[in-house]
Amino acid sequence: MSNPPKLPPLREVIKKHGLSANKALGQNFLFDTQLLSRIAAVPGDLAGEDVFEVGPGPGGLTQALLQAGAAVTAVERDERCLPALAELGEYFPDQLKIISDDALAINTDNLFDKPFHIVSNLPYNVGSALLIKWLSQPKWPPKWQSLTLMFQREVADRIVASEGSNAYGRLSILAQWRCEARLAINVHRSAFTPPPKVMSAIVHLTPKEQPQGVDPALLERLTQTAFHQRRKMLRQSLKGFSGATEALATVGIDSSRRPETVSVAEFVALARQLS
């Protein structure tokens, strides 16, 4: 934006509205404006773009997105934060829409008339569930153009992990079979108020052409079953999954292997055979 408005510091906004991070909602406030601007820049130029944000809280990242020129639709279930967000909207007429609801209950495609980006410092308690929801939709490519999401570092590592690593598992496969996934920014725990017990990271995902002949719901069930007992051989972990033993033989995957040694492409081939 050519002449961004002068905004009050986020600490003043929080003090004015008597806000504090709600542990039950997975909240941790981020005050570092430079870091917030870096996060908003990860998807690329957002000027004139539609952005969906989950859990804006007092609006730190929201400010950065609006200043980058995005039109932001934000969903916030903590009603304490709504007055602060409403005030922020007054600085950016027609750029900010606030929805008071649970993000897990929202169909994001219905909110936008054109492709959009999802950018969010996700509440830790719903981050993985939202990611799986966005990755597992039947229609592909999706309406969203990119996901730029904050996770606990441990979860972020799982999303981008390669087979054979301790972090590799269900989230790795669900993310990488349909998307390019990368670790964009590491975020130290000290950047938050209050500081969480764990480090965090920003992950950036962009859709790619999905392999044909694979049922996303089946792949999700298959990986959930396989990694439920990740230290066991596939013949054991998948023995209750109908047709899996025969499918392993058909696609040439040794049933004595453990799930973490099976690549994304091999899981896709197995799911295609079962589909």
C-alpha atoms as a PDB file:
ATOM      1  CA  MET A   1       0.000   0.000   0.000  1.00  0.00           C
ATOM      2  CA  SER A   2       1.363   3.482  -0.898  1.00  0.00           C
ATOM      3  CA  ASN A   3       0.318   5.261   2.316  1.00  0.00           C
ATOM      4  CA  PRO A   4      -0.308   2.674   5.028  1.00  0.00           C
ATOM      5  CA  PRO A   5      -2.160   4.049   8.063  1.00  0.00           C
ATOM      6  CA  LYS A   6      -0.365   4.660  11.341  1.00  0.00           C
ATOM      7  CA  LEU A   7      -1.504   1.820  13.589  1.00  0.00           C
ATOM      8  CA  PRO A   8      -1.291   1.653  17.388  1.00  0.00           C
ATOM      9  CA  PRO A   9       1.275  -0.856  18.723  1.00  0.00           C
ATOM     10  CA  LEU A  10      -0.211  -4.291  19.259  1.00  0.00           C
ATOM     11  CA  ARG A  11       0.730  -4.243  22.949  1.00  0.00           C
ATOM     12  CA  GLU A  12      -1.413  -1.116  23.360  1.00  0.00           C
ATOM     13  CA  VAL A  13      -4.316  -2.785  21.562  1.00  0.00           C
ATOM     14  CA  ILE A  14      -4.108  -5.796  23.878  1.00  0.00           C
ATOM     15  CA  LYS A  15      -3.887  -3.592  26.969  1.00  0.00           C
ATOM     16  CA  LYS A  16      -6.798  -1.415  25.835  1.00  0.00           C
ATOM     17  CA  HIS A  17      -9.096  -4.406  25.337  1.00  0.00           C
ATOM     18  CA  GLY A  18      -7.856  -6.344  28.372  1.00  0.00           C
ATOM     19  CA  LEU A  19      -6.763  -9.318  26.276  1.00  0.00           C
ATOM     20  CA  SER A  20      -4.616 -12.219  27.386  1.00  0.00           C
ATOM     21  CA  ALA A  21      -3.665 -15.413  25.579  1.00  0.00           C
ATOM     22  CA  ASN A  22      -6.211 -18.183  26.175  1.00  0.00           C
ATOM     23  CA  LYS A  23      -4.371 -21.466  26.686  1.00  0.00           C
ATOM     24  CA  ALA A  24      -7.527 -23.509  26.014  1.00  0.00           C
ATOM     25  CA  LEU A  25      -7.743 -21.939  22.540  1.00  0.00           C
ATOM     26  CA  GLY A  26      -4.061 -22.558  21.810  1.00  0.00           C
ATOM     27  CA  GLN A  27      -3.288 -18.825  21.732  1.00  0.00           C
ATOM     28  CA  ASN A  28       0.152 -17.210  21.875  1.00  0.00           C
ATOM     29  CA  PHE A  29       0.474 -13.577  20.772  1.00  0.00           C
ATOM     30  CA  LEU A  30       3.207 -12.485  18.349  1.00  0.00           C
ATOM     31  CA  PHE A  31       4.303  -8.823  18.638  1.00  0.00           C
ATOM     32  CA  ASP A  32       7.386  -8.671  16.367  1.00  0.00           C
ATOM     33  CA  THR A  33       6.195  -6.549  13.416  1.00  0.00           C
ATOM     34  CA  GLN A  34       9.246  -7.417  11.298  1.00  0.00           C
ATOM     35  CA  LEU A  35       8.642 -11.130  11.779  1.00  0.00           C
ATOM     36  CA  LEU A  36       4.932 -10.709  11.021  1.00  0.00           C
ATOM     37  CA  SER A  37       5.807  -8.853   7.796  1.00  0.00           C
ATOM     38  CA  ARG A  38       8.195 -11.682   6.833  1.00  0.00           C
ATOM     39  CA  ILE A  39       5.397 -14.219   7.354  1.00  0.00           C
ATOM     40  CA  ALA A  40       3.005 -12.147   5.242  1.00  0.00           C
ATOM     41  CA  ALA A  41       5.635 -12.038   2.471  1.00  0.00           C
ATOM     42  CA  VAL A  42       6.092 -15.833   2.240  1.00  0.00           C
ATOM     43  CA  PRO A  43       3.243 -16.396  -0.301  1.00  0.00           C
ATOM     44  CA  GLY A  44       4.605 -13.615  -2.545  1.00  0.00           C
ATOM     45  CA  ASP A  45       2.949 -10.349  -3.555  1.00  0.00           C
ATOM     46  CA  LEU A  46      -0.475 -10.233  -1.884  1.00  0.00           C
ATOM     47  CA  ALA A  47      -1.589  -6.851  -3.259  1.00  0.00           C
ATOM     48  CA  GLY A  48      -5.184  -7.302  -4.417  1.00  0.00           C
ATOM     49  CA  GLU A  49      -5.231 -10.966  -3.353  1.00  0.00           C
ATOM     50  CA  ASP A  50      -7.838 -12.630  -1.139  1.00  0.00           C
ATOM     51  CA  VAL A  51      -6.473 -14.177   2.062  1.00  0.00           C
ATOM     52  CA  PHE A  52      -8.149 -16.430   4.618  1.00  0.00           C
ATOM     53  CA  GLU A  53      -6.773 -16.245   8.169  1.00  0.00           C
ATOM     54  CA  VAL A  54      -7.639 -18.497  11.119  1.00  0.00           C
ATOM     55  CA  GLY A  55      -7.431 -17.267  14.705  1.00  0.00           C
ATOM     56  CA  PRO A  56      -6.190 -13.690  14.183  1.00  0.00           C
ATOM     57  CA  GLY A  57      -6.450 -12.936  17.911  1.00  0.00           C
ATOM     58  CA  PRO A  58      -5.734  -9.238  18.429  1.00  0.00           C
ATOM     59  CA  GLY A  59      -4.718  -8.899  14.775  1.00  0.00           C
ATOM     60  CA  GLY A  60      -0.908  -8.878  14.568  1.00  0.00           C
ATOM     61  CA  LEU A  61      -0.573 -10.966  11.414  1.00  0.00           C
ATOM     62  CA  THR A  62      -3.818  -9.455  10.120  1.00  0.00           C
ATOM     63  CA  GLN A  63      -2.180  -6.015  10.201  1.00  0.00           C
ATOM     64  CA  ALA A  64       0.792  -7.306   8.195  1.00  0.00           C
ATOM     65  CA  LEU A  65      -1.480  -8.916   5.601  1.00  0.00           C
ATOM     66  CA  LEU A  66      -3.599  -5.774   5.243  1.00  0.00           C
ATOM     67  CA  GLN A  67      -0.495  -3.607   4.914  1.00  0.00           C
ATOM     68  CA  ALA A  68       0.679  -5.957   2.154  1.00  0.00           C
ATOM     69  CA  GLY A  69      -2.508  -5.038   0.271  1.00  0.00           C
ATOM     70  CA  ALA A  70      -4.479  -8.237   0.842  1.00  0.00           C
ATOM     71  CA  ALA A  71      -8.230  -8.423   1.342  1.00  0.00           C
ATOM     72  CA  VAL A  72      -8.474 -10.530   4.493  1.00  0.00           C
ATOM     73  CA  THR A  73     -11.323 -12.733   5.661  1.00  0.00           C
ATOM     74  CA  ALA A  74     -10.506 -13.849   9.200  1.00  0.00           C
ATOM     75  CA  VAL A  75     -12.365 -16.345  11.390  1.00  0.00           C
ATOM     76  CA  GLU A  76     -12.064 -15.874  15.153  1.00  0.00           C
ATOM     77  CA  ARG A  77     -13.926 -17.926  17.773  1.00  0.00           C
ATOM     78  CA  ASP A  78     -12.669 -15.870  20.745  1.00  0.00           C
ATOM     79  CA  GLU A  79     -15.290 -13.146  21.108  1.00  0.00           C
ATOM     80  CA  ARG A  80     -12.954 -11.106  23.355  1.00  0.00           C
ATOM     81  CA  CYS A  81     -10.829 -10.304  20.269  1.00  0.00           C
ATOM     82  CA  LEU A  82     -13.671  -9.089  18.034  1.00  0.00           C
ATOM     83  CA  PRO A  83     -13.689  -5.418  19.187  1.00  0.00           C
ATOM     84  CA  ALA A  84      -9.935  -5.101  18.548  1.00  0.00           C
ATOM     85  CA  LEU A  85     -10.348  -6.613  15.086  1.00  0.00           C
ATOM     86  CA  ALA A  86     -13.282  -4.314  14.353  1.00  0.00           C
ATOM     87  CA  GLU A  87     -11.093  -1.323  15.203  1.00  0.00           C
ATOM     88  CA  LEU A  88      -8.386  -2.626  12.869  1.00  0.00           C
ATOM     89  CA  GLY A  89     -10.981  -2.856  10.098  1.00  0.00           C
ATOM     90  CA  GLU A  90     -11.670   0.868  10.455  1.00  0.00           C
ATOM     91  CA  TYR A  91      -8.099   1.586   9.325  1.00  0.00           C
ATOM     92  CA  PHE A  92      -8.574  -0.572   6.198  1.00  0.00           C
ATOM     93  CA  PRO A  93     -12.080   0.118   4.802  1.00  0.00           C
ATOM     94  CA  ASP A  94     -13.470  -2.776   2.730  1.00  0.00           C
ATOM     95  CA  GLN A  95     -10.277  -4.837   3.233  1.00  0.00           C
ATOM     96  CA  LEU A  96     -11.153  -6.828   6.357  1.00  0.00           C
ATOM     97  CA  LYS A  97     -14.062  -9.171   7.030  1.00  0.00           C
ATOM     98  CA  ILE A  98     -14.362 -10.890  10.415  1.00  0.00           C
ATOM     99  CA  ILE A  99     -16.341 -14.098  10.955  1.00  0.00           C
ATOM    100  CA  SER A 100     -17.100 -15.220  14.497  1.00  0.00           C
ATOM    101  CA  ASP A 101     -17.071 -19.009  14.170  1.00  0.00           C
ATOM    102  CA  ASP A 102     -15.047 -22.220  14.435  1.00  0.00           C
ATOM    103  CA  ALA A 103     -12.686 -22.591  11.455  1.00  0.00           C
ATOM    104  CA  LEU A 104     -13.194 -26.362  11.371  1.00  0.00           C
ATOM    105  CA  ALA A 105     -16.876 -25.777  10.556  1.00  0.00           C
ATOM    106  CA  ILE A 106     -16.225 -23.423   7.630  1.00  0.00           C
ATOM    107  CA  ASN A 107     -16.062 -24.331   3.940  1.00  0.00           C
ATOM    108  CA  THR A 108     -13.459 -21.822   2.783  1.00  0.00           C
ATOM    109  CA  ASP A 109     -14.346 -22.220  -0.900  1.00  0.00           C
ATOM    110  CA  ASN A 110     -17.765 -20.677  -0.221  1.00  0.00           C
ATOM    111  CA  LEU A 111     -16.174 -17.487   1.119  1.00  0.00           C
ATOM    112  CA  PHE A 112     -14.384 -16.435  -2.063  1.00  0.00           C
ATOM    113  CA  ASP A 113     -15.334 -15.861  -5.703  1.00  0.00           C
ATOM    114  CA  LYS A 114     -11.773 -16.372  -6.936  1.00  0.00           C
ATOM    115  CA  PRO A 115      -8.627 -18.282  -5.911  1.00  0.00           C
ATOM    116  CA  PHE A 116      -7.247 -17.257  -2.530  1.00  0.00           C
ATOM    117  CA  HIS A 117      -4.373 -17.823  -0.114  1.00  0.00           C
ATOM    118  CA  ILE A 118      -4.524 -19.192   3.419  1.00  0.00           C
ATOM    119  CA  VAL A 119      -2.118 -17.498   5.834  1.00  0.00           C
ATOM    120  CA  SER A 120      -2.335 -18.133   9.556  1.00  0.00           C
ATOM    121  CA  ASN A 121      -0.492 -18.454  12.830  1.00  0.00           C
ATOM    122  CA  LEU A 122      -2.630 -21.505  13.528  1.00  0.00           C
ATOM    123  CA  PRO A 123      -3.797 -22.193  17.073  1.00  0.00           C
ATOM    124  CA  TYR A 124      -1.707 -25.202  18.110  1.00  0.00           C
ATOM    125  CA  ASN A 125      -4.708 -27.228  19.253  1.00  0.00           C
ATOM    126  CA  VAL A 126      -6.404 -27.310  15.805  1.00  0.00           C
ATOM    127  CA  GLY A 127      -3.482 -26.829  13.397  1.00  0.00           C
ATOM    128  CA  SER A 128      -3.061 -30.431  12.224  1.00  0.00           C
ATOM    129  CA  ALA A 129      -6.820 -30.993  11.903  1.00  0.00           C
ATOM    130  CA  LEU A 130      -7.210 -27.903   9.706  1.00  0.00           C
ATOM    131  CA  LEU A 131      -4.231 -28.859   7.559  1.00  0.00           C
ATOM    132  CA  ILE A 132      -5.630 -32.354   6.942  1.00  0.00           C
ATOM    133  CA  LYS A 133      -9.006 -30.833   6.098  1.00  0.00           C
ATOM    134  CA  TRP A 134      -7.469 -28.535   3.477  1.00  0.00           C
ATOM    135  CA  LEU A 135      -5.238 -31.277   2.044  1.00  0.00           C
ATOM    136  CA  SER A 136      -7.895 -33.997   1.860  1.00  0.00           C
ATOM    137  CA  GLN A 137     -10.649 -32.286  -0.119  1.00  0.00           C
ATOM    138  CA  PRO A 138     -11.878 -34.357  -3.085  1.00  0.00           C
ATOM    139  CA  LYS A 139     -11.628 -31.562  -5.686  1.00  0.00           C
ATOM    140  CA  TRP A 140      -8.056 -30.912  -6.841  1.00  0.00           C
ATOM    141  CA  PRO A 141      -6.390 -28.562  -7.544  1.00  0.00           C
ATOM    142  CA  PRO A 142      -8.051 -26.688  -4.688  1.00  0.00           C
ATOM    143  CA  LYS A 143      -9.368 -23.140  -4.797  1.00  0.00           C
ATOM    144  CA  TRP A 144      -6.605 -22.036  -2.417  1.00  0.00           C
ATOM    145  CA  GLN A 145      -3.344 -21.131  -4.148  1.00  0.00           C
ATOM    146  CA  SER A 146      -1.033 -21.591  -1.172  1.00  0.00           C
ATOM    147  CA  LEU A 147      -0.942 -22.397   2.542  1.00  0.00           C
ATOM    148  CA  THR A 148       1.407 -20.389   4.780  1.00  0.00           C
ATOM    149  CA  LEU A 149       0.923 -21.787   8.269  1.00  0.00           C
ATOM    150  CA  MET A 150       2.496 -21.622  11.709  1.00  0.00           C
ATOM    151  CA  PHE A 151       2.953 -24.929  13.541  1.00  0.00           C
ATOM    152  CA  GLN A 152       4.904 -26.265  16.458  1.00  0.00           C
ATOM    153  CA  ARG A 153       8.354 -27.050  15.036  1.00  0.00           C
ATOM    154  CA  GLU A 154       7.823 -30.757  15.663  1.00  0.00           C
ATOM    155  CA  VAL A 155       4.672 -30.732  13.507  1.00  0.00           C
ATOM    156  CA  ALA A 156       6.348 -28.600  10.815  1.00  0.00           C
ATOM    157  CA  ASP A 157       9.191 -31.129  10.633  1.00  0.00           C
ATOM    158  CA  ARG A 158       6.673 -33.916  10.096  1.00  0.00           C
ATOM    159  CA  ILE A 159       5.033 -32.069   7.203  1.00  0.00           C
ATOM    160  CA  VAL A 160       8.283 -31.646   5.232  1.00  0.00           C
ATOM    161  CA  ALA A 161      10.052 -34.876   6.305  1.00  0.00           C
ATOM    162  CA  SER A 162      11.451 -37.444   3.884  1.00  0.00           C
ATOM    163  CA  GLU A 163      11.054 -41.196   4.299  1.00  0.00           C
ATOM    164  CA  GLY A 164      13.536 -42.837   6.633  1.00  0.00           C
ATOM    165  CA  SER A 165      13.559 -39.962   9.111  1.00  0.00           C
ATOM    166  CA  ASN A 166      12.021 -40.102  12.569  1.00  0.00           C
ATOM    167  CA  ALA A 167       9.688 -37.219  11.679  1.00  0.00           C
ATOM    168  CA  TYR A 168       8.300 -38.929   8.554  1.00  0.00           C
ATOM    169  CA  GLY A 169       4.736 -40.138   8.838  1.00  0.00           C
ATOM    170  CA  ARG A 170       1.101 -39.580   7.976  1.00  0.00           C
ATOM    171  CA  LEU A 171       1.329 -35.773   7.757  1.00  0.00           C
ATOM    172  CA  SER A 172       4.359 -36.005   5.459  1.00  0.00           C
ATOM    173  CA  ILE A 173       2.474 -38.158   2.968  1.00  0.00           C
ATOM    174  CA  LEU A 174      -0.818 -36.253   3.097  1.00  0.00           C
ATOM    175  CA  ALA A 175       1.077 -33.001   2.477  1.00  0.00           C
ATOM    176  CA  GLN A 176       3.556 -34.137  -0.147  1.00  0.00           C
ATOM    177  CA  TRP A 177       1.479 -36.321  -2.474  1.00  0.00           C
ATOM    178  CA  ARG A 178      -0.482 -33.260  -3.629  1.00  0.00           C
ATOM    179  CA  CYS A 179       1.756 -30.330  -2.638  1.00  0.00           C
ATOM    180  CA  GLU A 180       5.248 -28.939  -2.658  1.00  0.00           C
ATOM    181  CA  ALA A 181       6.045 -28.371   1.019  1.00  0.00           C
ATOM    182  CA  ARG A 182       8.930 -26.397   2.500  1.00  0.00           C
ATOM    183  CA  LEU A 183      10.015 -24.963   5.822  1.00  0.00           C
ATOM    184  CA  ALA A 184       9.922 -21.184   5.277  1.00  0.00           C
ATOM    185  CA  ILE A 185      10.770 -19.553   8.642  1.00  0.00           C
ATOM    186  CA  ASN A 186      11.885 -20.851  12.034  1.00  0.00           C
ATOM    187  CA  VAL A 187      10.281 -18.962  14.929  1.00  0.00           C
ATOM    188  CA  HIS A 188      11.910 -18.957  18.373  1.00  0.00           C
ATOM    189  CA  ARG A 189       9.635 -19.486  21.371  1.00  0.00           C
ATOM    190  CA  SER A 190      10.796 -16.135  22.794  1.00  0.00           C
ATOM    191  CA  ALA A 191       8.998 -14.308  19.948  1.00  0.00           C
ATOM    192  CA  PHE A 192       5.641 -15.072  21.596  1.00  0.00           C
ATOM    193  CA  THR A 193       3.770 -13.719  24.593  1.00  0.00           C
ATOM    194  CA  PRO A 194       3.484 -15.828  26.633  1.00  0.00           C
ATOM    195  CA  PRO A 195       6.381 -17.957  25.322  1.00  0.00           C
ATOM    196  CA  PRO A 196       5.202 -21.502  24.525  1.00  0.00           C
ATOM    197  CA  LYS A 197       7.233 -24.468  25.725  1.00  0.00           C
ATOM    198  CA  VAL A 198       8.163 -25.408  22.151  1.00  0.00           C
ATOM    199  CA  MET A 199       9.758 -23.828  19.076  1.00  0.00           C
ATOM    200  CA  SER A 200       7.615 -23.007  16.043  1.00  0.00           C
ATOM    201  CA  ALA A 201       8.008 -22.785  12.275  1.00  0.00           C
ATOM    202  CA  ILE A 202       6.205 -21.472   9.217  1.00  0.00           C
ATOM    203  CA  VAL A 203       5.478 -24.058   6.519  1.00  0.00           C
ATOM    204  CA  HIS A 204       4.599 -23.060   2.951  1.00  0.00           C
ATOM    205  CA  LEU A 205       2.633 -25.456   0.728  1.00  0.00           C
ATOM    206  CA  THR A 206       1.619 -25.014  -2.911  1.00  0.00           C
ATOM    207  CA  PRO A 207      -0.652 -27.441  -4.801  1.00  0.00           C
ATOM    208  CA  LYS A 208       0.783 -29.578  -7.565  1.00  0.00           C
ATOM    209  CA  GLU A 209      -0.852 -31.973  -9.995  1.00  0.00           C
ATOM    210  CA  GLN A 210      -2.024 -34.965  -8.023  1.00  0.00           C
ATOM    211  CA  PRO A 211      -1.366 -38.570  -9.092  1.00  0.00           C
ATOM    212  CA  GLN A 212      -4.404 -39.987 -10.852  1.00  0.00           C
ATOM    213  CA  GLY A 213      -6.543 -42.914  -9.703  1.00  0.00           C
ATOM    214  CA  VAL A 214      -6.136 -42.309  -5.963  1.00  0.00           C
ATOM    215  CA  ASP A 215      -8.992 -41.788  -3.507  1.00  0.00           C
ATOM    216  CA  PRO A 216      -7.812 -39.102  -1.026  1.00  0.00           C
ATOM    217  CA  ALA A 217     -10.035 -40.486   1.753  1.00  0.00           C
ATOM    218  CA  LEU A 218      -8.577 -43.960   1.239  1.00  0.00           C
ATOM    219  CA  LEU A 219      -4.998 -42.645   1.319  1.00  0.00           C
ATOM    220  CA  GLU A 220      -5.782 -40.827   4.560  1.00  0.00           C
ATOM    221  CA  ARG A 221      -7.180 -44.029   6.154  1.00  0.00           C
ATOM    222  CA  LEU A 222      -4.279 -46.084   4.810  1.00  0.00           C
ATOM    223  CA  THR A 223      -1.611 -43.800   6.278  1.00  0.00           C
ATOM    224  CA  GLN A 224      -3.465 -43.481   9.557  1.00  0.00           C
ATOM    225  CA  THR A 225      -3.595 -47.274   9.852  1.00  0.00           C
ATOM    226  CA  ALA A 226       0.030 -47.809   8.790  1.00  0.00           C
ATOM    227  CA  PHE A 227       1.516 -45.247  11.173  1.00  0.00           C
ATOM    228  CA  HIS A 228      -0.701 -46.079  14.130  1.00  0.00           C
ATOM    229  CA  GLN A 229       1.924 -48.735  14.907  1.00  0.00           C
ATOM    230  CA  ARG A 230       4.896 -47.268  13.062  1.00  0.00           C
ATOM    231  CA  ARG A 231       7.499 -49.627  14.574  1.00  0.00           C
ATOM    232  CA  LYS A 232       5.710 -52.718  13.299  1.00  0.00           C
ATOM    233  CA  MET A 233       6.171 -54.276   9.866  1.00  0.00           C
ATOM    234  CA  LEU A 234       3.561 -53.444   7.229  1.00  0.00           C
ATOM    235  CA  ARG A 235       2.180 -56.991   7.324  1.00  0.00           C
ATOM    236  CA  GLN A 236       1.265 -56.346  10.959  1.00  0.00           C
ATOM    237  CA  SER A 237       0.204 -52.696  10.895  1.00  0.00           C
ATOM    238  CA  LEU A 238      -1.988 -53.175   7.785  1.00  0.00           C
ATOM    239  CA  LYS A 239      -3.351 -56.645   8.505  1.00  0.00           C
ATOM    240  CA  GLY A 240      -6.775 -55.212   9.394  1.00  0.00           C
ATOM    241  CA  PHE A 241      -6.953 -53.063   6.241  1.00  0.00           C
ATOM    242  CA  SER A 242      -9.005 -54.921   3.638  1.00  0.00           C
ATOM    243  CA  GLY A 243      -6.965 -55.932   0.586  1.00  0.00           C
ATOM    244  CA  ALA A 244      -3.718 -54.378   1.827  1.00  0.00           C
ATOM    245  CA  THR A 245      -1.669 -57.585   1.963  1.00  0.00           C
ATOM    246  CA  GLU A 246      -2.499 -58.436  -1.653  1.00  0.00           C
ATOM    247  CA  ALA A 247      -1.948 -54.838  -2.775  1.00  0.00           C
ATOM    248  CA  LEU A 248       1.510 -54.745  -1.182  1.00  0.00           C
ATOM    249  CA  ALA A 249       2.523 -57.787  -3.213  1.00  0.00           C
ATOM    250  CA  THR A 250       1.007 -56.403  -6.418  1.00  0.00           C
ATOM    251  CA  VAL A 251       2.909 -53.103  -6.286  1.00  0.00           C
ATOM    252  CA  GLY A 252       6.130 -54.741  -5.108  1.00  0.00           C
ATOM    253  CA  ILE A 253       6.418 -53.409  -1.564  1.00  0.00           C
ATOM    254  CA  ASP A 254       8.037 -55.878   0.829  1.00  0.00           C
ATOM    255  CA  SER A 255       5.562 -56.480   3.669  1.00  0.00           C
ATOM    256  CA  SER A 256       8.437 -56.803   6.155  1.00  0.00           C
ATOM    257  CA  ARG A 257       9.279 -53.104   5.750  1.00  0.00           C
ATOM    258  CA  ARG A 258       8.246 -50.541   8.360  1.00  0.00           C
ATOM    259  CA  PRO A 259       5.952 -47.655   7.328  1.00  0.00           C
ATOM    260  CA  GLU A 260       8.606 -44.952   7.769  1.00  0.00           C
ATOM    261  CA  THR A 261      10.731 -46.562   5.017  1.00  0.00           C
ATOM    262  CA  VAL A 262       7.927 -46.399   2.434  1.00  0.00           C
ATOM    263  CA  SER A 263       8.131 -43.340   0.169  1.00  0.00           C
ATOM    264  CA  VAL A 264       5.269 -41.008  -0.698  1.00  0.00           C
ATOM    265  CA  ALA A 265       5.229 -42.438  -4.232  1.00  0.00           C
ATOM    266  CA  GLU A 266       4.994 -45.996  -2.877  1.00  0.00           C
ATOM    267  CA  PHE A 267       2.101 -45.110  -0.554  1.00  0.00           C
ATOM    268  CA  VAL A 268       0.371 -43.452  -3.524  1.00  0.00           C
ATOM    269  CA  ALA A 269       0.880 -46.595  -5.623  1.00  0.00           C
ATOM    270  CA  LEU A 270      -0.527 -48.735  -2.801  1.00  0.00           C
ATOM    271  CA  ALA A 271      -3.537 -46.451  -2.398  1.00  0.00           C
ATOM    272  CA  ARG A 272      -4.113 -46.483  -6.172  1.00  0.00           C
ATOM    273  CA  GLN A 273      -4.123 -50.292  -6.141  1.00  0.00           C
ATOM    274  CA  LEU A 274      -6.583 -50.326  -3.225  1.00  0.00           C
ATOM    275  CA  SER A 275      -8.757 -47.655  -4.908  1.00  0.00           C
END
